[in-house]
Amino acid sequence: MSDLNSVRIGKQIVDMTDPAAVAAALRRVQLQIVAGDKRETVRIDGEEVTFTRANSEQLERLIKFYEDRASKVSGKRRRFAMGLRY
């Protein structure tokens, strides 16, 4: 893992070329916030974002983005419930 591809998420350094690892690290951050930590800082591409309970929806969208990327890379598709229209 080169320094250009690495990102610090919480206390962990993650390889940005592995979207599944990024999503897993972000899930850990989300769990820490929900469990009571007041904030968590993520550094990606030289930018720093601090997530708190107030912007947990942004964190959820970021996690979904990386989970979708991971499923595309692995060739597995996420399953969605089918709805019926009348």
N, C-alpha and C. Protein backbone atom coordinates (compact mmCIF):
# COMPACT_ATOMS: atom_id res chain seq x y z
N MET A 1 0.85 -1.17 0.00
CA MET A 1 0.00 0.00 0.00
C MET A 1 0.90 1.23 0.00
N SER A 2 0.75 2.08 -1.01
CA SER A 2 1.56 3.30 -1.07
C SER A 2 0.89 4.40 -0.27
N ASP A 3 1.66 5.44 0.05
CA ASP A 3 1.12 6.56 0.81
C ASP A 3 0.04 7.30 0.02
N LEU A 4 0.13 7.27 -1.31
CA LEU A 4 -0.86 7.96 -2.13
C LEU A 4 -2.22 7.27 -2.06
N ASN A 5 -2.22 5.97 -1.85
CA ASN A 5 -3.46 5.21 -1.81
C ASN A 5 -3.97 4.98 -0.40
N SER A 6 -3.26 5.44 0.60
CA SER A 6 -3.67 5.18 1.97
C SER A 6 -4.43 6.38 2.53
N VAL A 7 -5.37 6.06 3.40
CA VAL A 7 -6.20 7.09 4.03
C VAL A 7 -6.39 6.69 5.50
N ARG A 8 -6.44 7.68 6.35
CA ARG A 8 -6.66 7.42 7.77
C ARG A 8 -8.13 7.59 8.08
N ILE A 9 -8.74 6.52 8.57
CA ILE A 9 -10.15 6.54 8.97
C ILE A 9 -10.18 6.13 10.43
N GLY A 10 -10.51 7.09 11.28
CA GLY A 10 -10.43 6.82 12.72
C GLY A 10 -8.98 6.63 13.09
N LYS A 11 -8.69 5.49 13.69
CA LYS A 11 -7.31 5.19 14.09
C LYS A 11 -6.64 4.21 13.13
N GLN A 12 -7.32 3.87 12.04
CA GLN A 12 -6.84 2.85 11.12
C GLN A 12 -6.41 3.49 9.79
N ILE A 13 -5.33 2.98 9.21
CA ILE A 13 -4.91 3.40 7.88
C ILE A 13 -5.42 2.36 6.89
N VAL A 14 -6.16 2.81 5.87
CA VAL A 14 -6.85 1.92 4.94
C VAL A 14 -6.38 2.20 3.51
N ASP A 15 -6.31 1.15 2.70
CA ASP A 15 -5.96 1.26 1.29
C ASP A 15 -7.18 1.71 0.50
N MET A 16 -7.12 2.89 -0.11
CA MET A 16 -8.26 3.45 -0.86
C MET A 16 -8.60 2.63 -2.11
N THR A 17 -7.69 1.80 -2.58
CA THR A 17 -7.98 0.99 -3.76
C THR A 17 -8.83 -0.23 -3.41
N ASP A 18 -9.09 -0.45 -2.13
CA ASP A 18 -9.94 -1.55 -1.68
C ASP A 18 -11.21 -0.96 -1.07
N PRO A 19 -12.27 -0.77 -1.88
CA PRO A 19 -13.48 -0.13 -1.37
C PRO A 19 -14.15 -0.92 -0.24
N ALA A 20 -13.99 -2.24 -0.22
CA ALA A 20 -14.58 -3.03 0.86
C ALA A 20 -13.90 -2.69 2.19
N ALA A 21 -12.60 -2.50 2.18
CA ALA A 21 -11.87 -2.13 3.39
C ALA A 21 -12.27 -0.73 3.86
N VAL A 22 -12.46 0.18 2.90
CA VAL A 22 -12.89 1.54 3.26
C VAL A 22 -14.27 1.49 3.90
N ALA A 23 -15.20 0.75 3.28
CA ALA A 23 -16.56 0.64 3.82
C ALA A 23 -16.54 0.03 5.22
N ALA A 24 -15.73 -1.00 5.42
CA ALA A 24 -15.65 -1.64 6.74
C ALA A 24 -15.10 -0.67 7.79
N ALA A 25 -14.09 0.09 7.43
CA ALA A 25 -13.52 1.07 8.36
C ALA A 25 -14.54 2.15 8.69
N LEU A 26 -15.29 2.60 7.69
CA LEU A 26 -16.32 3.61 7.93
C LEU A 26 -17.44 3.06 8.80
N ARG A 27 -17.79 1.79 8.63
CA ARG A 27 -18.80 1.16 9.50
C ARG A 27 -18.33 1.15 10.96
N ARG A 28 -17.02 0.88 11.17
CA ARG A 28 -16.49 0.92 12.53
C ARG A 28 -16.62 2.32 13.13
N VAL A 29 -16.32 3.34 12.31
CA VAL A 29 -16.46 4.72 12.76
C VAL A 29 -17.91 5.00 13.12
N GLN A 30 -18.83 4.55 12.26
CA GLN A 30 -20.25 4.77 12.51
C GLN A 30 -20.67 4.11 13.83
N LEU A 31 -20.21 2.91 14.06
CA LEU A 31 -20.54 2.20 15.30
C LEU A 31 -20.02 2.96 16.51
N GLN A 32 -18.82 3.50 16.42
CA GLN A 32 -18.26 4.26 17.53
C GLN A 32 -19.09 5.51 17.82
N ILE A 33 -19.54 6.18 16.77
CA ILE A 33 -20.34 7.39 16.95
C ILE A 33 -21.67 7.04 17.59
N VAL A 34 -22.33 6.01 17.08
CA VAL A 34 -23.63 5.60 17.60
C VAL A 34 -23.50 5.10 19.04
N ALA A 35 -22.37 4.46 19.34
CA ALA A 35 -22.16 3.92 20.69
C ALA A 35 -21.84 5.00 21.72
N GLY A 36 -21.66 6.23 21.27
CA GLY A 36 -21.48 7.29 22.24
C GLY A 36 -20.27 8.18 22.04
N ASP A 37 -19.34 7.80 21.18
CA ASP A 37 -18.24 8.72 20.91
C ASP A 37 -18.82 9.98 20.29
N LYS A 38 -18.32 11.11 20.68
CA LYS A 38 -18.91 12.36 20.21
C LYS A 38 -18.54 12.68 18.78
N ARG A 39 -17.34 12.30 18.35
CA ARG A 39 -16.93 12.61 16.98
C ARG A 39 -15.83 11.68 16.54
N GLU A 40 -15.68 11.60 15.23
CA GLU A 40 -14.60 10.81 14.63
C GLU A 40 -14.12 11.55 13.40
N THR A 41 -12.81 11.57 13.18
CA THR A 41 -12.22 12.30 12.07
C THR A 41 -11.74 11.32 11.01
N VAL A 42 -12.05 11.66 9.74
CA VAL A 42 -11.62 10.86 8.60
C VAL A 42 -10.81 11.77 7.69
N ARG A 43 -9.63 11.29 7.25
CA ARG A 43 -8.80 12.06 6.33
C ARG A 43 -8.72 11.31 5.01
N ILE A 44 -9.23 11.93 3.94
CA ILE A 44 -9.22 11.33 2.61
C ILE A 44 -8.72 12.37 1.63
N ASP A 45 -7.74 12.00 0.83
CA ASP A 45 -7.18 12.88 -0.21
C ASP A 45 -6.79 14.25 0.33
N GLY A 46 -6.15 14.29 1.46
CA GLY A 46 -5.67 15.54 2.01
C GLY A 46 -6.73 16.39 2.69
N GLU A 47 -7.98 15.94 2.67
CA GLU A 47 -9.05 16.68 3.33
C GLU A 47 -9.45 15.95 4.59
N GLU A 48 -9.87 16.72 5.57
CA GLU A 48 -10.25 16.14 6.85
C GLU A 48 -11.71 16.46 7.13
N VAL A 49 -12.48 15.43 7.50
CA VAL A 49 -13.89 15.62 7.83
C VAL A 49 -14.12 15.01 9.20
N THR A 50 -14.81 15.75 10.06
CA THR A 50 -15.15 15.24 11.37
C THR A 50 -16.63 14.91 11.39
N PHE A 51 -16.95 13.65 11.66
CA PHE A 51 -18.33 13.21 11.72
C PHE A 51 -18.80 13.21 13.16
N THR A 52 -20.00 13.70 13.35
CA THR A 52 -20.65 13.68 14.66
C THR A 52 -22.04 13.10 14.47
N ARG A 53 -22.77 12.98 15.54
CA ARG A 53 -24.14 12.48 15.42
C ARG A 53 -24.96 13.36 14.48
N ALA A 54 -24.67 14.64 14.45
CA ALA A 54 -25.45 15.57 13.63
C ALA A 54 -25.32 15.28 12.14
N ASN A 55 -24.19 14.76 11.68
CA ASN A 55 -24.04 14.48 10.26
C ASN A 55 -23.85 12.99 9.99
N SER A 56 -24.52 12.16 10.78
CA SER A 56 -24.40 10.71 10.60
C SER A 56 -25.05 10.26 9.29
N GLU A 57 -26.00 11.03 8.76
CA GLU A 57 -26.60 10.69 7.47
C GLU A 57 -25.57 10.80 6.35
N GLN A 58 -24.71 11.80 6.43
CA GLN A 58 -23.62 11.94 5.45
C GLN A 58 -22.70 10.73 5.51
N LEU A 59 -22.41 10.27 6.71
CA LEU A 59 -21.55 9.11 6.89
C LEU A 59 -22.21 7.87 6.30
N GLU A 60 -23.51 7.72 6.49
CA GLU A 60 -24.23 6.57 5.93
C GLU A 60 -24.17 6.59 4.40
N ARG A 61 -24.32 7.77 3.79
CA ARG A 61 -24.22 7.87 2.32
C ARG A 61 -22.82 7.51 1.84
N LEU A 62 -21.80 7.94 2.56
CA LEU A 62 -20.42 7.62 2.20
C LEU A 62 -20.16 6.12 2.30
N ILE A 63 -20.69 5.50 3.33
CA ILE A 63 -20.55 4.05 3.49
C ILE A 63 -21.23 3.32 2.34
N LYS A 64 -22.45 3.71 2.00
CA LYS A 64 -23.18 3.08 0.89
C LYS A 64 -22.41 3.22 -0.41
N PHE A 65 -21.80 4.38 -0.64
CA PHE A 65 -21.01 4.61 -1.84
C PHE A 65 -19.89 3.58 -1.95
N TYR A 66 -19.13 3.40 -0.85
CA TYR A 66 -18.01 2.46 -0.88
C TYR A 66 -18.49 1.01 -0.90
N GLU A 67 -19.61 0.71 -0.29
CA GLU A 67 -20.16 -0.65 -0.39
C GLU A 67 -20.57 -0.96 -1.83
N ASP A 68 -21.18 0.02 -2.51
CA ASP A 68 -21.55 -0.17 -3.91
C ASP A 68 -20.31 -0.38 -4.78
N ARG A 69 -19.28 0.42 -4.54
CA ARG A 69 -18.03 0.26 -5.30
C ARG A 69 -17.41 -1.11 -5.06
N ALA A 70 -17.44 -1.56 -3.81
CA ALA A 70 -16.88 -2.87 -3.48
C ALA A 70 -17.64 -3.98 -4.18
N SER A 71 -18.96 -3.86 -4.26
CA SER A 71 -19.74 -4.90 -4.92
C SER A 71 -19.47 -4.91 -6.42
N LYS A 72 -19.22 -3.76 -7.02
CA LYS A 72 -18.89 -3.71 -8.44
C LYS A 72 -17.52 -4.33 -8.70
N VAL A 73 -16.57 -4.05 -7.82
CA VAL A 73 -15.21 -4.59 -7.98
C VAL A 73 -15.23 -6.11 -7.83
N SER A 74 -16.00 -6.61 -6.88
CA SER A 74 -16.03 -8.05 -6.62
C SER A 74 -16.95 -8.79 -7.58
N GLY A 75 -17.77 -8.05 -8.32
CA GLY A 75 -18.70 -8.69 -9.25
C GLY A 75 -19.99 -9.12 -8.60
N LYS A 76 -20.15 -8.85 -7.31
CA LYS A 76 -21.38 -9.21 -6.61
C LYS A 76 -22.29 -7.99 -6.58
N ARG A 77 -23.55 -8.22 -6.86
CA ARG A 77 -24.51 -7.12 -6.82
C ARG A 77 -25.25 -7.14 -5.50
N ARG A 78 -25.57 -5.96 -5.02
CA ARG A 78 -26.41 -5.86 -3.82
C ARG A 78 -27.82 -6.22 -4.21
N ARG A 79 -28.52 -6.86 -3.33
CA ARG A 79 -29.90 -7.27 -3.61
C ARG A 79 -30.85 -6.25 -3.00
N PHE A 80 -31.89 -5.99 -3.73
CA PHE A 80 -32.92 -5.06 -3.25
C PHE A 80 -34.26 -5.79 -3.28
N ALA A 81 -35.14 -5.41 -2.39
CA ALA A 81 -36.46 -6.01 -2.38
C ALA A 81 -37.22 -5.56 -3.62
N MET A 82 -37.97 -6.46 -4.17
CA MET A 82 -38.76 -6.12 -5.35
C MET A 82 -40.11 -5.57 -4.90
N GLY A 83 -40.54 -4.52 -5.52
CA GLY A 83 -41.84 -3.95 -5.20
C GLY A 83 -42.84 -4.26 -6.29
N LEU A 84 -44.09 -4.19 -5.93
CA LEU A 84 -45.16 -4.42 -6.89
C LEU A 84 -45.88 -3.12 -7.16
N ARG A 85 -46.23 -2.91 -8.40
CA ARG A 85 -47.00 -1.72 -8.76
C ARG A 85 -48.33 -2.17 -9.35
N TYR A 86 -49.37 -1.52 -8.99
CA TYR A 86 -50.69 -1.83 -9.52
C TYR A 86 -51.20 -0.71 -10.39
